[in-house]
Amino acid sequence: MRVYRGHRLRAPESGSWPKSLDSTAFFRYNEIIYRNVNTWGENSLAMQLIADLYGCDPSVLDNPERIRAIAHRAVDALGAQIVEECMHRFEPIGVSYIAVITTSHFSVHTWPENGYAAVDVFSCAQDVPAKLSDGLAAAFGAKSCKTRTITRDLKGGVTP
């Protein structure tokens, strides 16, 4: 077993995955769970933005202070404040940053060798995607950006 970016990776033994955990079932499961979750309703608590940034500038992705500055600007754009933050620079390359913010959390994980950054913003503000996706793409020098939003719902779409 090897450790990479803090995760222990172990290949499953042949045939050891339960049928319910094969990749096809997992994707079907996600399609069901995430269907129609990007609309704000009366029971909505928070909005989560997941951004995949591709073709990013590697010098930005491997610079902890630039990532911190980008995070601070993004959190300011939300109208939130940072309560606590933590960052780690991996060897030989890559950075992970997470901040607890007054509206929830903000995180960035980078893979400079691939020009890729994964950003996750969880906030009580319902307009998170409109405020952040273009700014994040520009700040990281991304050639393309794929975003998804998830509305966190108090009652799971069930009405009493």
N, C-alpha and C. Protein backbone atom coordinates (compact mmCIF):
# COMPACT_ATOMS: atom_id res chain seq x y z
N MET A 1 0.86 -1.17 0.00
CA MET A 1 0.00 0.00 0.00
C MET A 1 0.90 1.23 0.00
N ARG A 2 0.56 2.23 -0.83
CA ARG A 2 1.33 3.47 -0.82
C ARG A 2 0.45 4.62 -0.38
N VAL A 3 1.07 5.66 0.13
CA VAL A 3 0.34 6.84 0.56
C VAL A 3 0.61 7.95 -0.45
N TYR A 4 -0.43 8.56 -0.97
CA TYR A 4 -0.30 9.65 -1.93
C TYR A 4 -1.28 10.73 -1.53
N ARG A 5 -0.77 11.92 -1.30
CA ARG A 5 -1.59 13.06 -0.89
C ARG A 5 -2.49 12.71 0.29
N GLY A 6 -1.95 11.96 1.24
CA GLY A 6 -2.67 11.67 2.45
C GLY A 6 -3.70 10.56 2.36
N HIS A 7 -3.83 9.92 1.20
CA HIS A 7 -4.80 8.85 1.05
C HIS A 7 -4.07 7.52 0.89
N ARG A 8 -4.56 6.50 1.54
CA ARG A 8 -3.99 5.18 1.37
C ARG A 8 -4.70 4.52 0.20
N LEU A 9 -3.93 4.11 -0.77
CA LEU A 9 -4.49 3.51 -1.97
C LEU A 9 -4.21 2.02 -1.96
N ARG A 10 -5.24 1.23 -2.11
CA ARG A 10 -5.06 -0.22 -2.18
C ARG A 10 -5.97 -0.73 -3.29
N ALA A 11 -5.38 -1.42 -4.22
CA ALA A 11 -6.18 -2.01 -5.28
C ALA A 11 -6.99 -3.16 -4.71
N PRO A 12 -8.28 -3.23 -5.04
CA PRO A 12 -9.07 -4.34 -4.53
C PRO A 12 -8.63 -5.65 -5.18
N GLU A 13 -8.72 -6.71 -4.42
CA GLU A 13 -8.42 -8.02 -4.97
C GLU A 13 -9.47 -8.35 -6.02
N SER A 14 -9.09 -9.13 -6.98
CA SER A 14 -9.99 -9.48 -8.07
C SER A 14 -11.30 -10.04 -7.51
N GLY A 15 -12.41 -9.44 -7.95
CA GLY A 15 -13.72 -9.91 -7.54
C GLY A 15 -14.10 -9.54 -6.12
N SER A 16 -13.32 -8.67 -5.45
CA SER A 16 -13.62 -8.39 -4.06
C SER A 16 -14.66 -7.28 -3.86
N TRP A 17 -14.97 -6.49 -4.92
CA TRP A 17 -15.98 -5.45 -4.77
C TRP A 17 -17.36 -6.09 -4.70
N PRO A 18 -18.16 -5.70 -3.72
CA PRO A 18 -19.54 -6.19 -3.72
C PRO A 18 -20.25 -5.67 -4.96
N LYS A 19 -21.20 -6.41 -5.48
CA LYS A 19 -21.92 -6.01 -6.68
C LYS A 19 -22.47 -4.59 -6.53
N SER A 20 -22.96 -4.24 -5.34
CA SER A 20 -23.58 -2.93 -5.14
C SER A 20 -22.58 -1.79 -5.22
N LEU A 21 -21.27 -2.08 -5.19
CA LEU A 21 -20.27 -1.03 -5.23
C LEU A 21 -19.51 -0.97 -6.54
N ASP A 22 -19.96 -1.71 -7.56
CA ASP A 22 -19.23 -1.60 -8.82
C ASP A 22 -19.45 -0.21 -9.42
N SER A 23 -18.56 0.21 -10.31
CA SER A 23 -18.58 1.59 -10.81
C SER A 23 -19.87 1.91 -11.55
N THR A 24 -20.44 0.94 -12.27
CA THR A 24 -21.68 1.21 -12.99
C THR A 24 -22.79 1.54 -12.02
N ALA A 25 -22.91 0.76 -10.94
CA ALA A 25 -23.95 1.03 -9.95
C ALA A 25 -23.71 2.38 -9.28
N PHE A 26 -22.46 2.70 -9.02
CA PHE A 26 -22.14 3.97 -8.38
C PHE A 26 -22.62 5.14 -9.23
N PHE A 27 -22.34 5.10 -10.54
CA PHE A 27 -22.77 6.20 -11.39
C PHE A 27 -24.28 6.25 -11.52
N ARG A 28 -24.93 5.10 -11.60
CA ARG A 28 -26.40 5.11 -11.62
C ARG A 28 -26.93 5.70 -10.33
N TYR A 29 -26.31 5.35 -9.21
CA TYR A 29 -26.71 5.87 -7.90
C TYR A 29 -26.59 7.39 -7.88
N ASN A 30 -25.46 7.91 -8.36
CA ASN A 30 -25.26 9.36 -8.38
C ASN A 30 -26.27 10.06 -9.28
N GLU A 31 -26.61 9.46 -10.41
CA GLU A 31 -27.59 10.08 -11.29
C GLU A 31 -28.92 10.25 -10.56
N ILE A 32 -29.30 9.26 -9.78
CA ILE A 32 -30.56 9.33 -9.04
C ILE A 32 -30.48 10.38 -7.94
N ILE A 33 -29.41 10.37 -7.18
CA ILE A 33 -29.27 11.29 -6.06
C ILE A 33 -29.20 12.74 -6.52
N TYR A 34 -28.46 13.02 -7.59
CA TYR A 34 -28.23 14.40 -7.99
C TYR A 34 -29.25 14.95 -8.97
N ARG A 35 -30.25 14.17 -9.33
CA ARG A 35 -31.26 14.67 -10.25
C ARG A 35 -32.05 15.79 -9.58
N ASN A 36 -32.18 16.92 -10.25
CA ASN A 36 -32.97 18.06 -9.80
C ASN A 36 -32.55 18.61 -8.44
N VAL A 37 -31.28 18.60 -8.15
CA VAL A 37 -30.83 19.11 -6.85
C VAL A 37 -30.29 20.53 -6.93
N ASN A 38 -30.37 21.16 -8.10
CA ASN A 38 -29.79 22.48 -8.22
C ASN A 38 -30.83 23.59 -8.18
N THR A 39 -32.01 23.33 -7.67
CA THR A 39 -33.02 24.38 -7.55
C THR A 39 -33.23 24.71 -6.07
N TRP A 40 -33.37 25.99 -5.80
CA TRP A 40 -33.54 26.48 -4.44
C TRP A 40 -35.02 26.41 -4.09
N GLY A 41 -35.36 25.80 -2.97
CA GLY A 41 -36.76 25.68 -2.55
C GLY A 41 -36.94 26.16 -1.12
N GLU A 42 -38.15 26.06 -0.63
CA GLU A 42 -38.44 26.57 0.71
C GLU A 42 -37.71 25.83 1.82
N ASN A 43 -37.29 24.60 1.58
CA ASN A 43 -36.56 23.83 2.59
C ASN A 43 -35.04 23.85 2.38
N SER A 44 -34.59 24.66 1.42
CA SER A 44 -33.16 24.70 1.11
C SER A 44 -32.37 25.35 2.23
N LEU A 45 -31.23 24.75 2.54
CA LEU A 45 -30.36 25.26 3.59
C LEU A 45 -29.11 25.91 3.04
N ALA A 46 -28.55 25.33 1.99
CA ALA A 46 -27.27 25.81 1.48
C ALA A 46 -27.10 25.37 0.03
N MET A 47 -26.17 26.03 -0.65
CA MET A 47 -25.82 25.69 -2.02
C MET A 47 -24.36 25.26 -2.01
N GLN A 48 -24.06 24.20 -2.74
CA GLN A 48 -22.69 23.73 -2.86
C GLN A 48 -22.27 23.84 -4.32
N LEU A 49 -21.16 24.50 -4.54
CA LEU A 49 -20.58 24.62 -5.88
C LEU A 49 -19.38 23.70 -5.95
N ILE A 50 -19.36 22.87 -6.97
CA ILE A 50 -18.21 22.01 -7.23
C ILE A 50 -17.67 22.45 -8.58
N ALA A 51 -16.42 22.90 -8.60
CA ALA A 51 -15.82 23.40 -9.85
C ALA A 51 -14.58 22.58 -10.18
N ASP A 52 -14.54 22.08 -11.41
CA ASP A 52 -13.37 21.40 -11.95
C ASP A 52 -12.74 22.37 -12.94
N LEU A 53 -11.51 22.80 -12.65
CA LEU A 53 -10.82 23.78 -13.48
C LEU A 53 -9.71 23.08 -14.25
N TYR A 54 -9.75 23.18 -15.59
CA TYR A 54 -8.82 22.46 -16.46
C TYR A 54 -7.91 23.44 -17.21
N GLY A 55 -6.70 22.99 -17.49
CA GLY A 55 -5.76 23.82 -18.24
C GLY A 55 -5.29 25.02 -17.45
N CYS A 56 -5.19 24.87 -16.14
CA CYS A 56 -4.78 25.97 -15.27
C CYS A 56 -3.28 26.22 -15.36
N ASP A 57 -2.89 27.41 -14.96
CA ASP A 57 -1.49 27.80 -14.91
C ASP A 57 -0.79 27.01 -13.79
N PRO A 58 0.16 26.13 -14.10
CA PRO A 58 0.83 25.33 -13.07
C PRO A 58 1.54 26.17 -12.01
N SER A 59 2.02 27.35 -12.38
CA SER A 59 2.71 28.19 -11.39
C SER A 59 1.74 28.72 -10.34
N VAL A 60 0.48 28.87 -10.69
CA VAL A 60 -0.55 29.25 -9.71
C VAL A 60 -0.90 28.05 -8.85
N LEU A 61 -1.07 26.90 -9.49
CA LEU A 61 -1.50 25.69 -8.79
C LEU A 61 -0.51 25.20 -7.75
N ASP A 62 0.76 25.54 -7.91
CA ASP A 62 1.78 25.05 -6.99
C ASP A 62 2.29 26.16 -6.05
N ASN A 63 1.52 27.24 -5.94
CA ASN A 63 1.94 28.37 -5.12
C ASN A 63 0.96 28.58 -3.97
N PRO A 64 1.30 28.13 -2.77
CA PRO A 64 0.37 28.23 -1.64
C PRO A 64 -0.13 29.65 -1.36
N GLU A 65 0.74 30.62 -1.49
CA GLU A 65 0.30 32.00 -1.20
C GLU A 65 -0.67 32.53 -2.24
N ARG A 66 -0.48 32.16 -3.50
CA ARG A 66 -1.45 32.57 -4.54
C ARG A 66 -2.79 31.89 -4.31
N ILE A 67 -2.75 30.64 -3.91
CA ILE A 67 -4.00 29.93 -3.63
C ILE A 67 -4.72 30.57 -2.45
N ARG A 68 -3.96 30.93 -1.42
CA ARG A 68 -4.56 31.60 -0.26
C ARG A 68 -5.20 32.93 -0.69
N ALA A 69 -4.51 33.69 -1.54
CA ALA A 69 -5.05 34.98 -2.00
C ALA A 69 -6.32 34.78 -2.82
N ILE A 70 -6.34 33.77 -3.69
CA ILE A 70 -7.53 33.46 -4.48
C ILE A 70 -8.69 33.09 -3.56
N ALA A 71 -8.41 32.25 -2.56
CA ALA A 71 -9.45 31.84 -1.61
C ALA A 71 -10.00 33.04 -0.86
N HIS A 72 -9.13 33.93 -0.42
CA HIS A 72 -9.57 35.10 0.33
C HIS A 72 -10.48 35.98 -0.53
N ARG A 73 -10.10 36.17 -1.81
CA ARG A 73 -10.95 36.99 -2.71
C ARG A 73 -12.30 36.31 -2.94
N ALA A 74 -12.30 35.00 -3.11
CA ALA A 74 -13.55 34.27 -3.35
C ALA A 74 -14.47 34.35 -2.13
N VAL A 75 -13.90 34.17 -0.95
CA VAL A 75 -14.70 34.24 0.28
C VAL A 75 -15.26 35.66 0.46
N ASP A 76 -14.45 36.68 0.16
CA ASP A 76 -14.94 38.06 0.20
C ASP A 76 -16.10 38.26 -0.76
N ALA A 77 -16.00 37.68 -1.97
CA ALA A 77 -17.06 37.81 -2.96
C ALA A 77 -18.37 37.20 -2.48
N LEU A 78 -18.27 36.20 -1.62
CA LEU A 78 -19.47 35.59 -1.03
C LEU A 78 -20.08 36.46 0.06
N GLY A 79 -19.32 37.43 0.54
CA GLY A 79 -19.77 38.23 1.67
C GLY A 79 -19.56 37.50 2.98
N ALA A 80 -18.64 36.55 2.99
CA ALA A 80 -18.35 35.76 4.19
C ALA A 80 -16.97 36.14 4.72
N GLN A 81 -16.65 35.61 5.88
CA GLN A 81 -15.33 35.80 6.47
C GLN A 81 -14.73 34.44 6.79
N ILE A 82 -13.40 34.41 6.80
CA ILE A 82 -12.70 33.17 7.15
C ILE A 82 -12.62 33.07 8.66
N VAL A 83 -13.06 31.93 9.19
CA VAL A 83 -12.99 31.66 10.62
C VAL A 83 -11.66 30.98 10.94
N GLU A 84 -11.30 30.01 10.11
CA GLU A 84 -10.05 29.28 10.30
C GLU A 84 -9.63 28.70 8.96
N GLU A 85 -8.33 28.61 8.72
CA GLU A 85 -7.87 28.03 7.46
C GLU A 85 -6.66 27.12 7.70
N CYS A 86 -6.49 26.18 6.77
CA CYS A 86 -5.39 25.23 6.85
C CYS A 86 -4.92 24.96 5.42
N MET A 87 -3.61 24.85 5.24
CA MET A 87 -3.07 24.60 3.92
C MET A 87 -1.89 23.64 4.04
N HIS A 88 -1.72 22.83 3.00
CA HIS A 88 -0.58 21.92 2.96
C HIS A 88 -0.03 21.89 1.54
N ARG A 89 1.28 22.03 1.41
CA ARG A 89 1.95 21.88 0.12
C ARG A 89 2.55 20.48 0.09
N PHE A 90 2.18 19.73 -0.93
CA PHE A 90 2.67 18.37 -1.08
C PHE A 90 4.01 18.37 -1.79
N GLU A 91 4.81 17.34 -1.54
CA GLU A 91 6.09 17.16 -2.23
C GLU A 91 5.93 16.02 -3.21
N PRO A 92 6.30 16.18 -4.44
CA PRO A 92 7.04 17.31 -4.97
C PRO A 92 6.17 18.49 -5.36
N ILE A 93 4.87 18.27 -5.69
CA ILE A 93 4.03 19.39 -6.10
C ILE A 93 2.59 19.17 -5.66
N GLY A 94 1.84 20.26 -5.61
CA GLY A 94 0.42 20.21 -5.28
C GLY A 94 0.12 20.89 -3.96
N VAL A 95 -1.07 21.46 -3.88
CA VAL A 95 -1.49 22.19 -2.69
C VAL A 95 -2.93 21.82 -2.36
N SER A 96 -3.21 21.66 -1.07
CA SER A 96 -4.59 21.54 -0.58
C SER A 96 -4.82 22.68 0.40
N TYR A 97 -5.98 23.34 0.25
CA TYR A 97 -6.34 24.48 1.09
C TYR A 97 -7.79 24.28 1.51
N ILE A 98 -8.07 24.53 2.78
CA ILE A 98 -9.45 24.50 3.24
C ILE A 98 -9.65 25.60 4.26
N ALA A 99 -10.82 26.24 4.17
CA ALA A 99 -11.16 27.29 5.12
C ALA A 99 -12.56 27.04 5.64
N VAL A 100 -12.71 27.16 6.94
CA VAL A 100 -14.04 27.23 7.54
C VAL A 100 -14.42 28.70 7.41
N ILE A 101 -15.57 28.96 6.80
CA ILE A 101 -16.01 30.34 6.62
C ILE A 101 -17.32 30.55 7.36
N THR A 102 -17.71 31.80 7.53
CA THR A 102 -18.91 32.09 8.32
C THR A 102 -20.18 31.53 7.68
N THR A 103 -20.15 31.19 6.39
CA THR A 103 -21.32 30.57 5.76
C THR A 103 -21.13 29.08 5.51
N SER A 104 -19.97 28.49 5.81
CA SER A 104 -19.71 27.06 5.78
C SER A 104 -18.24 26.74 5.48
N HIS A 105 -17.89 26.33 4.21
CA HIS A 105 -16.48 26.03 3.93
C HIS A 105 -16.11 26.32 2.48
N PHE A 106 -14.80 26.42 2.26
CA PHE A 106 -14.22 26.66 0.93
C PHE A 106 -12.97 25.81 0.84
N SER A 107 -12.82 25.02 -0.23
CA SER A 107 -11.60 24.20 -0.35
C SER A 107 -11.08 24.20 -1.79
N VAL A 108 -9.77 24.02 -1.89
CA VAL A 108 -9.08 23.92 -3.18
C VAL A 108 -8.07 22.78 -3.07
N HIS A 109 -8.03 21.93 -4.08
CA HIS A 109 -7.03 20.87 -4.17
C HIS A 109 -6.45 20.96 -5.58
N THR A 110 -5.11 20.99 -5.69
CA THR A 110 -4.50 21.20 -6.99
C THR A 110 -3.60 20.05 -7.42
N TRP A 111 -3.52 19.86 -8.72
CA TRP A 111 -2.63 18.90 -9.36
C TRP A 111 -1.91 19.67 -10.48
N PRO A 112 -0.83 20.39 -10.13
CA PRO A 112 -0.12 21.19 -11.13
C PRO A 112 0.38 20.37 -12.32
N GLU A 113 0.77 19.13 -12.08
CA GLU A 113 1.27 18.29 -13.15
C GLU A 113 0.21 18.01 -14.21
N ASN A 114 -1.06 18.20 -13.85
CA ASN A 114 -2.17 17.99 -14.79
C ASN A 114 -2.88 19.30 -15.15
N GLY A 115 -2.44 20.41 -14.59
CA GLY A 115 -3.10 21.69 -14.85
C GLY A 115 -4.52 21.72 -14.31
N TYR A 116 -4.77 21.01 -13.21
CA TYR A 116 -6.13 20.80 -12.70
C TYR A 116 -6.28 21.29 -11.27
N ALA A 117 -7.41 21.94 -10.99
CA ALA A 117 -7.78 22.32 -9.63
C ALA A 117 -9.22 21.91 -9.38
N ALA A 118 -9.46 21.39 -8.19
CA ALA A 118 -10.81 21.04 -7.74
C ALA A 118 -11.18 22.01 -6.63
N VAL A 119 -12.30 22.73 -6.82
CA VAL A 119 -12.75 23.71 -5.84
C VAL A 119 -14.13 23.31 -5.36
N ASP A 120 -14.33 23.42 -4.06
CA ASP A 120 -15.62 23.10 -3.44
C ASP A 120 -16.00 24.26 -2.55
N VAL A 121 -17.19 24.81 -2.77
CA VAL A 121 -17.69 25.92 -1.95
C VAL A 121 -19.06 25.52 -1.43
N PHE A 122 -19.19 25.52 -0.13
CA PHE A 122 -20.46 25.19 0.52
C PHE A 122 -20.87 26.44 1.27
N SER A 123 -22.06 26.98 0.95
CA SER A 123 -22.46 28.25 1.53
C SER A 123 -23.97 28.35 1.67
N CYS A 124 -24.39 29.11 2.66
CA CYS A 124 -25.81 29.39 2.85
C CYS A 124 -26.34 30.37 1.81
N ALA A 125 -25.46 31.05 1.09
CA ALA A 125 -25.89 31.99 0.05
C ALA A 125 -26.38 31.20 -1.16
N GLN A 126 -27.55 31.51 -1.68
CA GLN A 126 -28.09 30.72 -2.78
C GLN A 126 -27.52 31.12 -4.14
N ASP A 127 -26.75 32.18 -4.23
CA ASP A 127 -26.19 32.59 -5.51
C ASP A 127 -24.70 32.32 -5.61
N VAL A 128 -24.22 31.28 -4.99
CA VAL A 128 -22.79 30.93 -5.01
C VAL A 128 -22.26 30.77 -6.44
N PRO A 129 -22.89 29.98 -7.32
CA PRO A 129 -22.32 29.78 -8.65
C PRO A 129 -22.18 31.09 -9.44
N ALA A 130 -23.18 31.93 -9.40
CA ALA A 130 -23.14 33.18 -10.15
C ALA A 130 -22.00 34.07 -9.69
N LYS A 131 -21.71 34.07 -8.42
CA LYS A 131 -20.68 34.94 -7.89
C LYS A 131 -19.27 34.42 -8.12
N LEU A 132 -19.09 33.11 -8.21
CA LEU A 132 -17.74 32.57 -8.14
C LEU A 132 -17.15 31.88 -9.36
N SER A 133 -17.94 31.18 -10.15
CA SER A 133 -17.33 30.32 -11.16
C SER A 133 -16.44 31.06 -12.16
N ASP A 134 -16.87 32.18 -12.69
CA ASP A 134 -16.04 32.92 -13.65
C ASP A 134 -14.78 33.46 -13.00
N GLY A 135 -14.91 33.98 -11.78
CA GLY A 135 -13.76 34.53 -11.07
C GLY A 135 -12.72 33.48 -10.74
N LEU A 136 -13.18 32.28 -10.35
CA LEU A 136 -12.24 31.20 -10.05
C LEU A 136 -11.49 30.77 -11.30
N ALA A 137 -12.20 30.62 -12.41
CA ALA A 137 -11.56 30.21 -13.66
C ALA A 137 -10.50 31.23 -14.07
N ALA A 138 -10.82 32.51 -13.96
CA ALA A 138 -9.85 33.56 -14.33
C ALA A 138 -8.65 33.55 -13.38
N ALA A 139 -8.89 33.41 -12.09
CA ALA A 139 -7.81 33.46 -11.09
C ALA A 139 -6.82 32.31 -11.28
N PHE A 140 -7.29 31.15 -11.68
CA PHE A 140 -6.41 30.00 -11.88
C PHE A 140 -5.88 29.91 -13.31
N GLY A 141 -6.32 30.84 -14.18
CA GLY A 141 -5.88 30.81 -15.57
C GLY A 141 -6.41 29.60 -16.30
N ALA A 142 -7.61 29.13 -15.93
CA ALA A 142 -8.18 27.91 -16.50
C ALA A 142 -8.62 28.12 -17.94
N LYS A 143 -8.34 27.13 -18.77
CA LYS A 143 -8.81 27.16 -20.15
C LYS A 143 -10.27 26.72 -20.23
N SER A 144 -10.69 25.89 -19.27
CA SER A 144 -12.10 25.50 -19.21
C SER A 144 -12.47 25.19 -17.76
N CYS A 145 -13.76 25.28 -17.51
CA CYS A 145 -14.28 25.09 -16.16
C CYS A 145 -15.61 24.34 -16.24
N LYS A 146 -15.72 23.28 -15.48
CA LYS A 146 -16.98 22.52 -15.40
C LYS A 146 -17.50 22.69 -13.98
N THR A 147 -18.72 23.18 -13.84
CA THR A 147 -19.28 23.37 -12.50
C THR A 147 -20.56 22.57 -12.34
N ARG A 148 -20.79 22.18 -11.11
CA ARG A 148 -22.03 21.54 -10.72
C ARG A 148 -22.50 22.20 -9.44
N THR A 149 -23.78 22.30 -9.26
CA THR A 149 -24.31 22.83 -8.01
C THR A 149 -25.26 21.82 -7.39
N ILE A 150 -25.23 21.81 -6.09
CA ILE A 150 -26.11 20.94 -5.33
C ILE A 150 -26.79 21.81 -4.28
N THR A 151 -28.10 21.73 -4.22
CA THR A 151 -28.83 22.42 -3.16
C THR A 151 -29.00 21.45 -2.01
N ARG A 152 -28.59 21.86 -0.83
CA ARG A 152 -28.77 21.03 0.36
C ARG A 152 -30.15 21.35 0.93
N ASP A 153 -30.97 20.31 1.03
CA ASP A 153 -32.38 20.47 1.37
C ASP A 153 -32.67 19.87 2.73
N LEU A 154 -33.30 20.62 3.58
CA LEU A 154 -33.61 20.23 4.95
C LEU A 154 -34.43 18.94 5.02
N LYS A 155 -35.36 18.76 4.10
CA LYS A 155 -36.26 17.61 4.18
C LYS A 155 -36.07 16.61 3.06
N GLY A 156 -35.03 16.74 2.27
CA GLY A 156 -34.75 15.77 1.21
C GLY A 156 -35.82 15.74 0.13
N GLY A 157 -36.48 16.86 -0.10
CA GLY A 157 -37.50 16.92 -1.14
C GLY A 157 -38.83 16.33 -0.70
N VAL A 158 -38.96 15.93 0.56
CA VAL A 158 -40.19 15.34 1.07
C VAL A 158 -41.03 16.43 1.73
N THR A 159 -42.27 16.54 1.33
CA THR A 159 -43.14 17.54 1.97
C THR A 159 -43.97 16.85 3.04
N PRO A 160 -44.19 17.54 4.16
CA PRO A 160 -44.93 16.90 5.26
C PRO A 160 -46.40 16.67 4.93
